[in-house]
Amino acid sequence: MDDPQWTRRDPGVTSRDAQGAQQAGGDSLVRLPGVLGSRFAVEGELPVQGAESDLLLVREHSGGEQRYVVKIYRRGYSADREVWEALPRLTSRYVVRVLETGHADGRDYEILEYLPEGNLKALSQGRRVDPTAAVAQLAEGLKALHDVGIVHRDLKPENVLVRGSELVIADFGLSRVLEQSVVFASASRTLAYAAPESLSGQVSPARDWWSLGMIARELITGRRPFDGLSETVVVDHLATRAIENDDVQDPHLRLLCQGLLTRDPRRRWGYAQIMAWLRGEAPAVQEEAAEPVRPYVPPQASSSSGAQRPYGTRPPDGARLPDGVDAAADAYRAEGRAALWEQRENKRKAGRSAARVRAVLWSLAFLALWSAGSFVVAAMAGETQPGETAGVGGVQRASEVPLGLMLAAGALAWLVSAAVEVALAHQQGADYLAGGPWAALAKGGKVVSGGLSKTSQAVSNTARRTGVRGCGVALLAAMIPVLMLLVLVSVLSSLAWLLWLLLVAVATVGHALGGGVRSHRWREANSARRKEVIEG
């Protein structure tokens, strides 16, 4: 590994082929595939995790100070094999080195160089970053990607790592290899840095140049794109408006932002224009209106002259809009809203691992309840020697209480409850227990408290009307049922452990049924949220 080699592992390797598969390392909850567990020791998880993968910091078992990052794709996600095939042709020092790719234990993985100096986001928060130098380096990295046919699709400061004085493009999780200049694919991307055409799933190299423009603008102004705006507003802005750059004071830097943030991807600056700009030249920039603009009109919706209007421009003043333009605008916004919902769903699903951990932790309350109750029931039954009998209220009972049976039943009930909660956590992801595990109890306590308060008020009002002071008679009347209950409990103490097992069983079944109700209600609420986003 000291000498980076581009290798591919056989896809059939499993944990049975490695002796070190049990190495979990550090505090990580993610395990290395077996073929990697025999080679690396895990030092921990990196704090930056994606929706489709986990990142582990590892060191070779053989010793040495060299450390690497292992990117393990989660189940249900896989790397683009065409991207993997193109990676060996990447030689730019401005692109992170992927040292190895493979598949083991049902998951794809990548081994990357470890860059401990952080990313551009953290760097720019600590000190000022020269936007000109940053653009020059990132442009070289993007050109290297585009030369081998890779479009990054998710370029943002978090995906730009720092290696000394160099910026390095990383994270190809959403990358695609293009066999033609423009294709259509999933609309997944980070919204704030996404090009307008990405709302409809259009993928081309121009998409990355827009993202570079947003990064440059952030470095120049010190403000994140669309900071403080809701996702719905951002989608509408991208679909209908140009990016204003009047707040960029330096004319040369403003020209860069205007060129890279041109809405028409066919007229947007690329590598050639950026190189010219770096030499001090002023490449042409398409003029764009600052007010709302019309989306791209397909050729069949163009005017009778056959001339196709540029993407994101309006017809001349007084000209009649061609048929279909409004329908195209509506369709474009609909695609943007669908992409917004997809991004929200990805965030929710990315929280599944943490949700499952929360589910197990809070379900431990059931284990504690059933265990404590078992000991209390055993204590209430009293301690006698095995085989003796005791009578209470004329009822004969066996003195031995099966504490072990009650504890086993409690543990089984907890496993069922934990399974119910884990299933809900997997379904709901980041939405799981949004109100906290005790929200329902708090609501119930509020109802009970309100009922007692109303009862107390009613008694007080009755006392004022009748002139009777004190509640002695009412208290005595209330004690009669309590005494009767105590007598009943003492009579049934011989059956206490059976009643307790029945209570555990009924409560567990109720919890399972309640989990089904919670799942149904969440699905309905999620469908309503989806309808609200999709239909605007």
Protein backbone atom coordinates (compact mmCIF):
# COMPACT_ATOMS: atom_id res chain seq x y z
CA MET A 1 0.00 0.00 0.00
CA ASP A 2 3.00 2.35 0.45
CA ASP A 3 3.37 2.34 -3.32
CA PRO A 4 -0.15 3.09 -4.58
CA GLN A 5 -1.19 0.29 -6.90
CA TRP A 6 -4.42 0.13 -8.80
CA THR A 7 -5.72 -3.30 -7.92
CA ARG A 8 -9.07 -5.00 -8.08
CA ARG A 9 -10.11 -7.67 -5.58
CA ASP A 10 -12.03 -10.76 -6.60
CA PRO A 11 -15.73 -10.23 -5.85
CA GLY A 12 -16.12 -13.64 -4.24
CA VAL A 13 -13.96 -12.99 -1.18
CA THR A 14 -15.87 -13.27 2.12
CA SER A 15 -15.11 -13.13 5.82
CA ARG A 16 -14.22 -16.83 5.81
CA ASP A 17 -11.11 -15.97 3.79
CA ALA A 18 -9.66 -13.66 6.44
CA GLN A 19 -8.62 -14.25 10.01
CA GLY A 20 -8.92 -10.62 11.02
CA ALA A 21 -12.56 -10.08 10.14
CA GLN A 22 -13.51 -9.73 13.77
CA GLN A 23 -11.44 -6.58 14.11
CA ALA A 24 -13.96 -3.80 14.62
CA GLY A 25 -11.44 -1.25 15.80
CA GLY A 26 -11.82 1.78 18.01
CA ASP A 27 -15.38 2.76 18.78
CA SER A 28 -16.61 2.09 15.26
CA LEU A 29 -19.99 0.44 14.80
CA VAL A 30 -19.07 -0.39 11.18
CA ARG A 31 -17.11 -3.57 10.46
CA LEU A 32 -14.56 -4.00 7.73
CA PRO A 33 -15.28 -6.68 5.12
CA GLY A 34 -13.39 -9.86 5.90
CA VAL A 35 -10.81 -9.42 3.15
CA LEU A 36 -9.85 -6.03 4.62
CA GLY A 37 -10.10 -7.04 8.28
CA SER A 38 -7.02 -9.26 7.90
CA ARG A 39 -5.00 -6.37 6.47
CA PHE A 40 -6.11 -3.31 8.42
CA ALA A 41 -6.88 -2.24 11.97
CA VAL A 42 -9.69 0.29 12.29
CA GLU A 43 -8.81 3.46 14.20
CA GLY A 44 -12.31 4.88 14.04
CA GLU A 45 -15.04 6.31 11.86
CA LEU A 46 -14.51 9.62 10.12
CA PRO A 47 -17.09 12.22 11.16
CA VAL A 48 -18.10 12.97 7.56
CA GLN A 49 -20.45 10.18 6.47
CA GLY A 50 -22.49 10.09 3.30
CA ALA A 51 -25.97 8.80 2.61
CA GLU A 52 -24.59 5.84 0.66
CA SER A 53 -21.39 4.93 2.50
CA ASP A 54 -19.36 4.92 5.71
CA LEU A 55 -15.76 6.09 6.00
CA LEU A 56 -13.27 4.29 8.26
CA LEU A 57 -9.76 5.41 9.16
CA VAL A 58 -7.47 2.37 9.10
CA ARG A 59 -3.83 1.38 9.57
CA GLU A 60 -2.11 -1.73 8.23
CA HIS A 61 -1.62 -4.62 10.67
CA SER A 62 1.95 -4.95 9.43
CA GLY A 63 2.87 -1.72 11.16
CA GLY A 64 4.03 1.59 9.77
CA GLU A 65 2.66 5.09 10.12
CA GLN A 66 0.75 5.19 6.83
CA ARG A 67 -3.01 5.49 7.27
CA TYR A 68 -5.79 5.13 4.74
CA VAL A 69 -9.51 5.75 4.38
CA VAL A 70 -11.77 2.81 3.58
CA LYS A 71 -15.08 3.79 2.03
CA ILE A 72 -17.66 1.04 2.55
CA TYR A 73 -20.88 1.32 0.56
CA ARG A 74 -23.99 0.47 2.55
CA ARG A 75 -26.22 -2.39 1.55
CA GLY A 76 -28.47 -1.38 -1.33
CA TYR A 77 -25.84 1.03 -2.74
CA SER A 78 -23.09 0.23 -5.19
CA ALA A 79 -20.31 2.11 -6.92
CA ASP A 80 -20.52 2.93 -10.61
CA ARG A 81 -18.33 0.28 -12.28
CA GLU A 82 -17.59 2.57 -15.21
CA VAL A 83 -16.25 5.17 -12.82
CA TRP A 84 -14.07 2.48 -11.24
CA GLU A 85 -12.74 1.54 -14.67
CA ALA A 86 -11.88 5.19 -15.39
CA LEU A 87 -10.13 5.86 -12.05
CA PRO A 88 -6.73 4.38 -13.01
CA ARG A 89 -6.45 6.95 -15.81
CA LEU A 90 -6.65 9.83 -13.31
CA THR A 91 -3.19 11.25 -12.71
CA SER A 92 -4.00 14.77 -11.52
CA ARG A 93 -2.67 15.70 -8.10
CA TYR A 94 -5.88 17.71 -7.62
CA VAL A 95 -7.99 14.51 -7.50
CA VAL A 96 -7.88 12.21 -4.48
CA ARG A 97 -5.98 8.96 -5.08
CA VAL A 98 -8.22 5.89 -4.97
CA LEU A 99 -5.74 3.10 -4.31
CA GLU A 100 -7.99 0.07 -4.52
CA THR A 101 -11.57 -0.89 -5.33
CA GLY A 102 -13.38 -4.14 -4.72
CA HIS A 103 -16.39 -6.06 -3.47
CA ALA A 104 -16.53 -8.28 -0.38
CA ASP A 105 -19.16 -9.52 2.06
CA GLY A 106 -21.90 -8.15 -0.18
CA ARG A 107 -20.57 -4.58 -0.20
CA ASP A 108 -18.47 -2.42 -2.50
CA TYR A 109 -15.45 -0.72 -0.99
CA GLU A 110 -12.72 1.74 -1.94
CA ILE A 111 -9.36 2.43 -0.31
CA LEU A 112 -8.29 6.07 -0.57
CA GLU A 113 -5.38 8.17 0.56
CA TYR A 114 -5.91 9.81 3.96
CA LEU A 115 -5.75 13.61 3.99
CA PRO A 116 -5.90 14.70 7.65
CA GLU A 117 -5.91 18.44 7.00
CA GLY A 118 -9.67 18.59 6.52
CA ASN A 119 -11.77 20.03 3.72
CA LEU A 120 -12.29 23.38 2.04
CA LYS A 121 -15.33 24.18 4.15
CA ALA A 122 -13.35 23.98 7.39
CA LEU A 123 -10.37 25.73 5.82
CA SER A 124 -12.42 28.68 4.60
CA GLN A 125 -14.05 29.08 8.01
CA GLY A 126 -10.65 29.36 9.68
CA ARG A 127 -8.96 31.79 7.30
CA ARG A 128 -9.39 33.47 3.95
CA VAL A 129 -8.77 31.27 0.93
CA ASP A 130 -7.52 32.86 -2.28
CA PRO A 131 -10.41 32.27 -4.70
CA THR A 132 -8.18 32.60 -7.77
CA ALA A 133 -5.78 29.89 -6.60
CA ALA A 134 -8.69 27.68 -5.53
CA VAL A 135 -10.41 28.00 -8.91
CA ALA A 136 -7.16 27.27 -10.76
CA GLN A 137 -6.55 24.05 -8.83
CA LEU A 138 -10.13 22.81 -8.88
CA ALA A 139 -10.38 23.56 -12.61
CA GLU A 140 -7.37 21.30 -13.21
CA GLY A 141 -9.00 18.57 -11.13
CA LEU A 142 -12.30 18.86 -12.97
CA LYS A 143 -10.56 18.78 -16.35
CA ALA A 144 -8.81 15.55 -15.31
CA LEU A 145 -12.17 14.03 -14.38
CA HIS A 146 -13.89 15.21 -17.54
CA ASP A 147 -11.00 13.99 -19.73
CA VAL A 148 -11.69 10.40 -18.62
CA GLY A 149 -15.45 10.91 -18.96
CA ILE A 150 -16.35 11.41 -15.29
CA VAL A 151 -18.82 14.08 -14.18
CA HIS A 152 -18.61 14.60 -10.41
CA ARG A 153 -22.21 15.85 -9.95
CA ASP A 154 -21.79 16.82 -6.27
CA LEU A 155 -18.88 19.25 -6.09
CA LYS A 156 -19.04 21.32 -2.88
CA PRO A 157 -16.59 22.55 -0.22
CA GLU A 158 -17.16 19.43 1.89
CA ASN A 159 -15.96 17.28 -1.04
CA VAL A 160 -12.78 19.30 -1.59
CA LEU A 161 -9.97 18.06 0.65
CA VAL A 162 -6.74 19.80 1.63
CA ARG A 163 -3.28 18.37 0.95
CA GLY A 164 -0.72 20.93 2.08
CA SER A 165 -1.18 23.93 -0.20
CA GLU A 166 -3.29 21.98 -2.69
CA LEU A 167 -7.02 21.41 -2.98
CA VAL A 168 -8.07 17.88 -3.91
CA ILE A 169 -11.43 16.81 -5.34
CA ALA A 170 -12.88 13.79 -3.53
CA ASP A 171 -16.05 11.72 -3.14
CA PHE A 172 -17.21 10.20 -6.41
CA GLY A 173 -20.32 8.62 -4.89
CA LEU A 174 -22.64 10.41 -7.33
CA SER A 175 -20.25 10.48 -10.29
CA ARG A 176 -21.22 9.20 -13.70
CA VAL A 177 -19.23 8.21 -16.78
CA LEU A 178 -20.67 9.79 -19.90
CA GLU A 179 -20.61 8.20 -23.32
CA GLN A 180 -22.09 11.35 -24.78
CA SER A 181 -22.09 15.02 -23.85
CA VAL A 182 -25.43 14.99 -22.05
CA VAL A 183 -27.36 12.19 -20.36
CA PHE A 184 -30.23 12.06 -17.90
CA ALA A 185 -29.89 10.31 -14.54
CA SER A 186 -30.97 10.55 -10.92
CA ALA A 187 -31.31 14.14 -9.73
CA SER A 188 -29.36 13.45 -6.50
CA ARG A 189 -27.05 16.32 -5.60
CA THR A 190 -26.44 18.96 -2.96
CA LEU A 191 -29.06 21.58 -3.73
CA ALA A 192 -27.11 24.75 -2.84
CA TYR A 193 -24.36 23.99 -5.38
CA ALA A 194 -26.55 22.32 -8.03
CA ALA A 195 -26.87 23.68 -11.54
CA PRO A 196 -30.37 24.60 -12.76
CA GLU A 197 -30.40 21.75 -15.31
CA SER A 198 -29.71 19.21 -12.54
CA LEU A 199 -33.28 19.71 -11.30
CA SER A 200 -34.43 17.67 -14.28
CA GLY A 201 -31.63 15.10 -13.96
CA GLN A 202 -29.52 16.43 -16.83
CA VAL A 203 -25.85 15.43 -16.44
CA SER A 204 -23.04 17.07 -18.39
CA PRO A 205 -19.60 18.50 -17.58
CA ALA A 206 -21.18 21.97 -17.48
CA ARG A 207 -22.90 20.91 -14.27
CA ASP A 208 -19.56 20.73 -12.45
CA TRP A 209 -18.48 24.15 -13.72
CA TRP A 210 -21.61 25.69 -12.19
CA SER A 211 -20.74 24.07 -8.85
CA LEU A 212 -17.23 25.50 -9.12
CA GLY A 213 -18.78 28.92 -9.70
CA MET A 214 -20.87 28.61 -6.53
CA ILE A 215 -17.76 27.60 -4.57
CA ALA A 216 -15.82 30.56 -5.99
CA ARG A 217 -18.65 32.93 -5.12
CA GLU A 218 -18.73 31.59 -1.57
CA LEU A 219 -14.97 32.08 -1.17
CA ILE A 220 -15.23 35.64 -2.53
CA THR A 221 -18.24 36.83 -0.52
CA GLY A 222 -17.81 34.65 2.58
CA ARG A 223 -21.47 33.58 2.38
CA ARG A 224 -22.84 30.12 1.65
CA PRO A 225 -25.16 29.88 -1.36
CA PHE A 226 -28.82 30.52 -0.55
CA ASP A 227 -28.00 30.74 3.16
CA GLY A 228 -31.19 30.97 5.24
CA LEU A 229 -33.55 30.04 2.41
CA SER A 230 -35.79 27.00 2.49
CA GLU A 231 -35.26 24.18 0.01
CA THR A 232 -38.50 25.00 -1.78
CA VAL A 233 -37.38 28.60 -2.33
CA VAL A 234 -33.98 27.43 -3.57
CA VAL A 235 -35.57 25.08 -6.10
CA ASP A 236 -37.85 27.83 -7.37
CA HIS A 237 -34.90 30.26 -7.58
CA LEU A 238 -32.78 27.80 -9.57
CA ALA A 239 -35.67 27.02 -11.90
CA THR A 240 -36.67 30.60 -12.64
CA ARG A 241 -33.98 33.16 -11.77
CA ALA A 242 -30.42 34.10 -12.60
CA ILE A 243 -27.76 34.38 -9.91
CA GLU A 244 -27.02 38.03 -9.14
CA ASN A 245 -23.34 38.87 -8.63
CA ASP A 246 -23.55 42.59 -7.89
CA ASP A 247 -22.19 41.95 -4.38
CA VAL A 248 -18.85 40.81 -5.86
CA GLN A 249 -16.87 44.06 -5.79
CA ASP A 250 -13.82 43.07 -7.84
CA PRO A 251 -14.75 43.30 -11.57
CA HIS A 252 -12.37 40.48 -12.54
CA LEU A 253 -13.81 38.13 -9.91
CA ARG A 254 -17.35 39.22 -10.80
CA LEU A 255 -16.66 38.23 -14.42
CA LEU A 256 -15.60 34.77 -13.22
CA CYS A 257 -18.82 34.31 -11.27
CA GLN A 258 -20.94 35.52 -14.17
CA GLY A 259 -19.22 33.16 -16.59
CA LEU A 260 -19.45 30.06 -14.40
CA LEU A 261 -22.98 30.83 -13.18
CA THR A 262 -24.49 31.28 -16.64
CA ARG A 263 -27.82 29.45 -16.63
CA ASP A 264 -27.52 28.13 -20.17
CA PRO A 265 -25.13 25.14 -19.86
CA ARG A 266 -24.20 25.52 -23.53
CA ARG A 267 -22.87 29.03 -22.91
CA ARG A 268 -21.44 28.46 -19.45
CA TRP A 269 -17.71 28.86 -18.99
CA GLY A 270 -15.57 25.74 -19.01
CA TYR A 271 -11.90 24.93 -18.65
CA ALA A 272 -10.78 26.95 -21.69
CA GLN A 273 -12.52 30.13 -20.53
CA ILE A 274 -11.18 29.73 -16.97
CA MET A 275 -7.62 29.39 -18.25
CA ALA A 276 -8.11 32.51 -20.34
CA TRP A 277 -9.49 34.32 -17.31
CA LEU A 278 -6.48 33.25 -15.24
CA ARG A 279 -4.23 34.80 -17.91
CA GLY A 280 -6.01 38.10 -17.41
CA GLU A 281 -8.29 37.88 -20.41
CA ALA A 282 -12.04 38.57 -20.36
CA PRO A 283 -13.99 35.78 -22.11
CA ALA A 284 -17.50 36.63 -23.26
CA VAL A 285 -20.38 36.19 -20.82
CA GLN A 286 -23.99 35.78 -21.89
CA GLU A 287 -26.18 38.59 -20.61
CA GLU A 288 -28.97 37.33 -18.36
CA ALA A 289 -31.96 39.07 -16.85
CA ALA A 290 -32.10 39.38 -13.08
CA GLU A 291 -35.89 39.09 -13.01
CA PRO A 292 -37.72 35.76 -13.37
CA VAL A 293 -36.80 33.96 -16.59
CA ARG A 294 -38.36 31.21 -18.64
CA PRO A 295 -36.98 27.66 -18.65
CA TYR A 296 -35.55 25.85 -21.62
CA VAL A 297 -38.05 25.28 -24.41
CA PRO A 298 -37.79 21.95 -26.28
CA PRO A 299 -37.36 22.21 -30.06
CA GLN A 300 -40.90 21.04 -30.77
CA ALA A 301 -42.23 23.98 -28.70
CA SER A 302 -40.12 26.57 -30.54
CA SER A 303 -41.50 29.19 -32.86
CA SER A 304 -42.35 28.43 -36.46
CA SER A 305 -39.02 29.82 -37.61
CA GLY A 306 -37.35 26.74 -36.13
CA ALA A 307 -34.85 28.77 -34.10
CA GLN A 308 -34.44 27.36 -30.61
CA ARG A 309 -34.25 29.93 -27.82
CA PRO A 310 -31.34 29.58 -25.41
CA TYR A 311 -31.98 27.91 -22.09
CA GLY A 312 -33.16 30.37 -19.43
CA THR A 313 -33.94 33.35 -21.69
CA ARG A 314 -37.10 35.18 -22.58
CA PRO A 315 -38.40 36.02 -26.06
CA PRO A 316 -38.00 39.63 -27.26
CA ASP A 317 -40.37 42.19 -25.79
CA GLY A 318 -43.77 42.03 -27.42
CA ALA A 319 -43.15 38.62 -28.93
CA ARG A 320 -45.73 35.92 -28.36
CA LEU A 321 -44.62 33.01 -26.21
CA PRO A 322 -44.64 29.79 -28.25
CA ASP A 323 -47.13 27.12 -27.38
CA GLY A 324 -46.01 24.80 -24.64
CA VAL A 325 -43.73 27.22 -22.79
CA ASP A 326 -45.95 27.43 -19.72
CA ALA A 327 -46.34 23.66 -19.72
CA ALA A 328 -42.56 23.31 -19.94
CA ALA A 329 -42.15 25.69 -17.01
CA ASP A 330 -44.62 23.70 -14.93
CA ALA A 331 -42.90 20.44 -15.83
CA TYR A 332 -39.52 21.93 -14.96
CA ARG A 333 -40.73 23.05 -11.54
CA ALA A 334 -42.35 19.66 -10.98
CA GLU A 335 -39.03 17.96 -11.70
CA GLY A 336 -37.33 20.32 -9.27
CA ARG A 337 -39.86 19.53 -6.53
CA ALA A 338 -39.41 15.80 -7.19
CA ALA A 339 -35.65 16.25 -6.83
CA LEU A 340 -36.19 18.16 -3.58
CA TRP A 341 -38.28 15.29 -2.19
CA GLU A 342 -35.61 12.80 -3.26
CA GLN A 343 -32.98 14.80 -1.37
CA ARG A 344 -35.15 14.88 1.76
CA GLU A 345 -35.70 11.13 1.49
CA ASN A 346 -31.96 10.54 1.17
CA LYS A 347 -31.37 12.56 4.35
CA ARG A 348 -34.04 10.57 6.16
CA LYS A 349 -32.64 7.24 5.02
CA ALA A 350 -29.12 8.32 5.95
CA GLY A 351 -30.29 8.49 9.58
CA ARG A 352 -31.32 4.84 9.72
CA SER A 353 -28.18 3.62 11.48
CA ALA A 354 -28.46 6.17 14.29
CA ALA A 355 -32.21 5.52 14.53
CA ARG A 356 -31.66 1.79 15.03
CA VAL A 357 -29.20 2.51 17.83
CA ARG A 358 -31.74 4.82 19.49
CA ALA A 359 -34.41 2.13 19.13
CA VAL A 360 -32.32 -0.47 20.94
CA LEU A 361 -31.28 1.96 23.67
CA TRP A 362 -34.73 3.20 24.54
CA SER A 363 -36.25 -0.28 24.34
CA LEU A 364 -33.93 -1.22 27.22
CA ALA A 365 -36.55 0.45 29.43
CA PHE A 366 -38.80 -2.56 28.77
CA LEU A 367 -36.07 -4.96 29.87
CA ALA A 368 -35.57 -2.95 33.06
CA LEU A 369 -39.33 -2.86 33.72
CA TRP A 370 -39.89 -6.58 33.24
CA SER A 371 -36.81 -7.53 35.26
CA ALA A 372 -37.64 -5.22 38.15
CA GLY A 373 -41.26 -6.40 38.15
CA SER A 374 -40.14 -10.04 38.31
CA PHE A 375 -38.03 -9.38 41.40
CA VAL A 376 -40.88 -7.43 43.05
CA VAL A 377 -43.36 -10.26 42.43
CA ALA A 378 -40.89 -12.77 43.84
CA ALA A 379 -40.39 -10.62 46.93
CA MET A 380 -44.14 -10.20 47.43
CA ALA A 381 -44.58 -13.98 47.35
CA GLY A 382 -42.22 -14.32 50.32
CA GLU A 383 -39.30 -16.65 50.85
CA THR A 384 -39.93 -20.24 51.99
CA GLN A 385 -38.13 -23.46 51.42
CA PRO A 386 -38.89 -25.48 48.31
CA GLY A 387 -41.70 -27.97 48.83
CA GLU A 388 -43.33 -26.04 51.69
CA THR A 389 -46.83 -24.68 51.41
CA ALA A 390 -48.36 -21.55 52.75
CA GLY A 391 -51.92 -20.38 52.96
CA VAL A 392 -53.27 -16.91 52.56
CA GLY A 393 -56.96 -16.25 52.95
CA GLY A 394 -57.65 -19.98 52.95
CA VAL A 395 -55.95 -20.52 49.61
CA GLN A 396 -53.12 -23.05 49.55
CA ARG A 397 -50.16 -22.35 47.21
CA ALA A 398 -46.80 -23.74 46.35
CA SER A 399 -44.18 -21.53 47.95
CA GLU A 400 -41.55 -21.68 45.22
CA VAL A 401 -41.78 -18.74 42.76
CA PRO A 402 -40.20 -19.39 39.32
CA LEU A 403 -38.05 -16.23 39.23
CA GLY A 404 -35.92 -17.63 36.41
CA LEU A 405 -39.02 -18.22 34.28
CA MET A 406 -40.24 -14.68 34.86
CA LEU A 407 -36.84 -13.20 33.98
CA ALA A 408 -36.67 -15.30 30.81
CA ALA A 409 -40.18 -14.20 29.83
CA GLY A 410 -39.19 -10.57 30.45
CA ALA A 411 -36.08 -10.94 28.28
CA LEU A 412 -38.15 -12.51 25.49
CA ALA A 413 -40.70 -9.72 25.73
CA TRP A 414 -37.89 -7.16 25.50
CA LEU A 415 -36.49 -8.84 22.37
CA VAL A 416 -39.92 -8.59 20.73
CA SER A 417 -40.26 -4.92 21.73
CA ALA A 418 -36.72 -4.16 20.53
CA ALA A 419 -37.46 -5.84 17.19
CA VAL A 420 -40.61 -3.72 16.82
CA GLU A 421 -38.69 -0.51 17.53
CA VAL A 422 -35.78 -1.43 15.26
CA ALA A 423 -38.23 -2.16 12.42
CA LEU A 424 -39.85 1.24 12.95
CA ALA A 425 -36.43 2.91 13.08
CA HIS A 426 -35.41 1.28 9.79
CA GLN A 427 -38.65 2.39 8.16
CA GLN A 428 -38.62 5.96 9.45
CA GLY A 429 -34.90 6.73 9.51
CA ALA A 430 -34.21 10.22 10.78
CA ASP A 431 -37.95 10.70 11.49
CA TYR A 432 -37.87 7.98 14.17
CA LEU A 433 -38.80 9.26 17.65
CA ALA A 434 -38.77 12.84 16.42
CA GLY A 435 -40.76 13.79 19.50
CA GLY A 436 -38.74 11.64 21.88
CA PRO A 437 -39.62 8.19 23.27
CA TRP A 438 -41.66 9.56 26.14
CA ALA A 439 -43.79 11.96 24.11
CA ALA A 440 -46.83 9.66 24.35
CA LEU A 441 -46.38 9.25 28.12
CA ALA A 442 -46.06 12.98 28.55
CA LYS A 443 -49.27 13.49 26.61
CA GLY A 444 -51.03 10.85 28.72
CA GLY A 445 -49.74 12.43 31.93
CA LYS A 446 -51.10 15.76 30.83
CA VAL A 447 -54.53 14.21 30.26
CA VAL A 448 -54.51 12.51 33.69
CA SER A 449 -53.31 15.68 35.38
CA GLY A 450 -56.04 17.68 33.72
CA GLY A 451 -58.66 15.13 34.81
CA LEU A 452 -57.52 15.22 38.44
CA SER A 453 -57.53 19.00 38.39
CA LYS A 454 -61.10 19.08 37.09
CA THR A 455 -62.18 16.54 39.72
CA SER A 456 -60.62 18.61 42.50
CA GLN A 457 -62.32 21.73 41.22
CA ALA A 458 -65.69 19.95 41.09
CA VAL A 459 -65.32 18.74 44.72
CA SER A 460 -64.40 22.26 45.85
CA ASN A 461 -67.40 23.77 44.08
CA THR A 462 -69.71 21.19 45.69
CA ALA A 463 -68.31 21.97 49.13
CA ARG A 464 -68.91 25.67 48.64
CA ARG A 465 -72.49 25.09 47.55
CA THR A 466 -73.41 22.70 50.37
CA GLY A 467 -71.43 24.38 53.09
CA VAL A 468 -69.69 21.07 53.97
CA ARG A 469 -66.07 21.66 54.93
CA GLY A 470 -63.38 19.00 54.59
CA CYS A 471 -63.30 15.72 52.69
CA GLY A 472 -63.24 13.21 55.57
CA VAL A 473 -66.29 11.31 54.41
CA ALA A 474 -65.12 11.28 50.81
CA LEU A 475 -61.67 10.08 51.92
CA LEU A 476 -63.19 7.26 53.97
CA ALA A 477 -65.38 6.24 51.07
CA ALA A 478 -62.35 6.18 48.77
CA MET A 479 -60.39 3.98 51.21
CA ILE A 480 -62.96 1.18 51.11
CA PRO A 481 -62.13 0.10 47.51
CA VAL A 482 -58.42 0.38 48.30
CA LEU A 483 -58.75 -1.96 51.28
CA MET A 484 -60.79 -4.39 49.23
CA LEU A 485 -58.08 -4.33 46.56
CA LEU A 486 -55.38 -5.09 49.15
CA VAL A 487 -57.35 -8.06 50.43
CA LEU A 488 -57.82 -9.30 46.88
CA VAL A 489 -54.09 -8.97 46.18
CA SER A 490 -53.22 -10.96 49.29
CA VAL A 491 -55.66 -13.69 48.29
CA LEU A 492 -54.25 -13.86 44.77
CA SER A 493 -50.61 -13.62 45.84
CA SER A 494 -50.28 -17.34 45.17
CA LEU A 495 -51.05 -16.57 41.53
CA ALA A 496 -49.00 -13.35 41.35
CA TRP A 497 -46.30 -14.77 39.10
CA LEU A 498 -48.87 -16.17 36.70
CA LEU A 499 -50.65 -12.84 36.59
CA TRP A 500 -47.31 -11.12 36.01
CA LEU A 501 -46.49 -13.39 33.07
CA LEU A 502 -49.94 -12.67 31.65
CA LEU A 503 -49.33 -8.93 32.04
CA VAL A 504 -45.95 -9.20 30.28
CA ALA A 505 -47.51 -11.15 27.40
CA VAL A 506 -50.44 -8.77 26.98
CA ALA A 507 -48.21 -5.69 27.16
CA THR A 508 -45.81 -7.12 24.56
CA VAL A 509 -48.62 -7.98 22.17
CA GLY A 510 -50.03 -4.50 22.71
CA HIS A 511 -46.66 -2.96 21.95
CA ALA A 512 -46.40 -4.93 18.71
CA LEU A 513 -49.90 -3.87 17.67
CA GLY A 514 -49.11 -0.30 18.65
CA GLY A 515 -45.98 -0.48 16.49
CA GLY A 516 -48.16 -1.41 13.54
CA VAL A 517 -50.40 1.58 14.22
CA ARG A 518 -47.39 3.90 14.50
CA SER A 519 -46.01 2.56 11.22
CA HIS A 520 -49.34 3.13 9.45
CA ARG A 521 -49.67 6.67 10.80
CA TRP A 522 -46.11 7.51 9.79
CA ARG A 523 -46.70 6.24 6.25
CA GLU A 524 -49.80 8.41 5.99
CA ALA A 525 -47.93 11.45 7.35
CA ASN A 526 -44.99 10.84 5.03
CA SER A 527 -47.32 10.53 2.05
CA ALA A 528 -48.91 13.82 3.04
CA ARG A 529 -45.50 15.48 3.27
CA ARG A 530 -44.55 14.09 -0.12
CA LYS A 531 -47.77 15.38 -1.64
CA GLU A 532 -47.15 18.80 -0.14
CA VAL A 533 -43.62 18.98 -1.60
CA ILE A 534 -44.40 17.45 -5.00
CA GLU A 535 -47.56 19.47 -5.56
CA GLY A 536 -46.10 22.63 -4.06
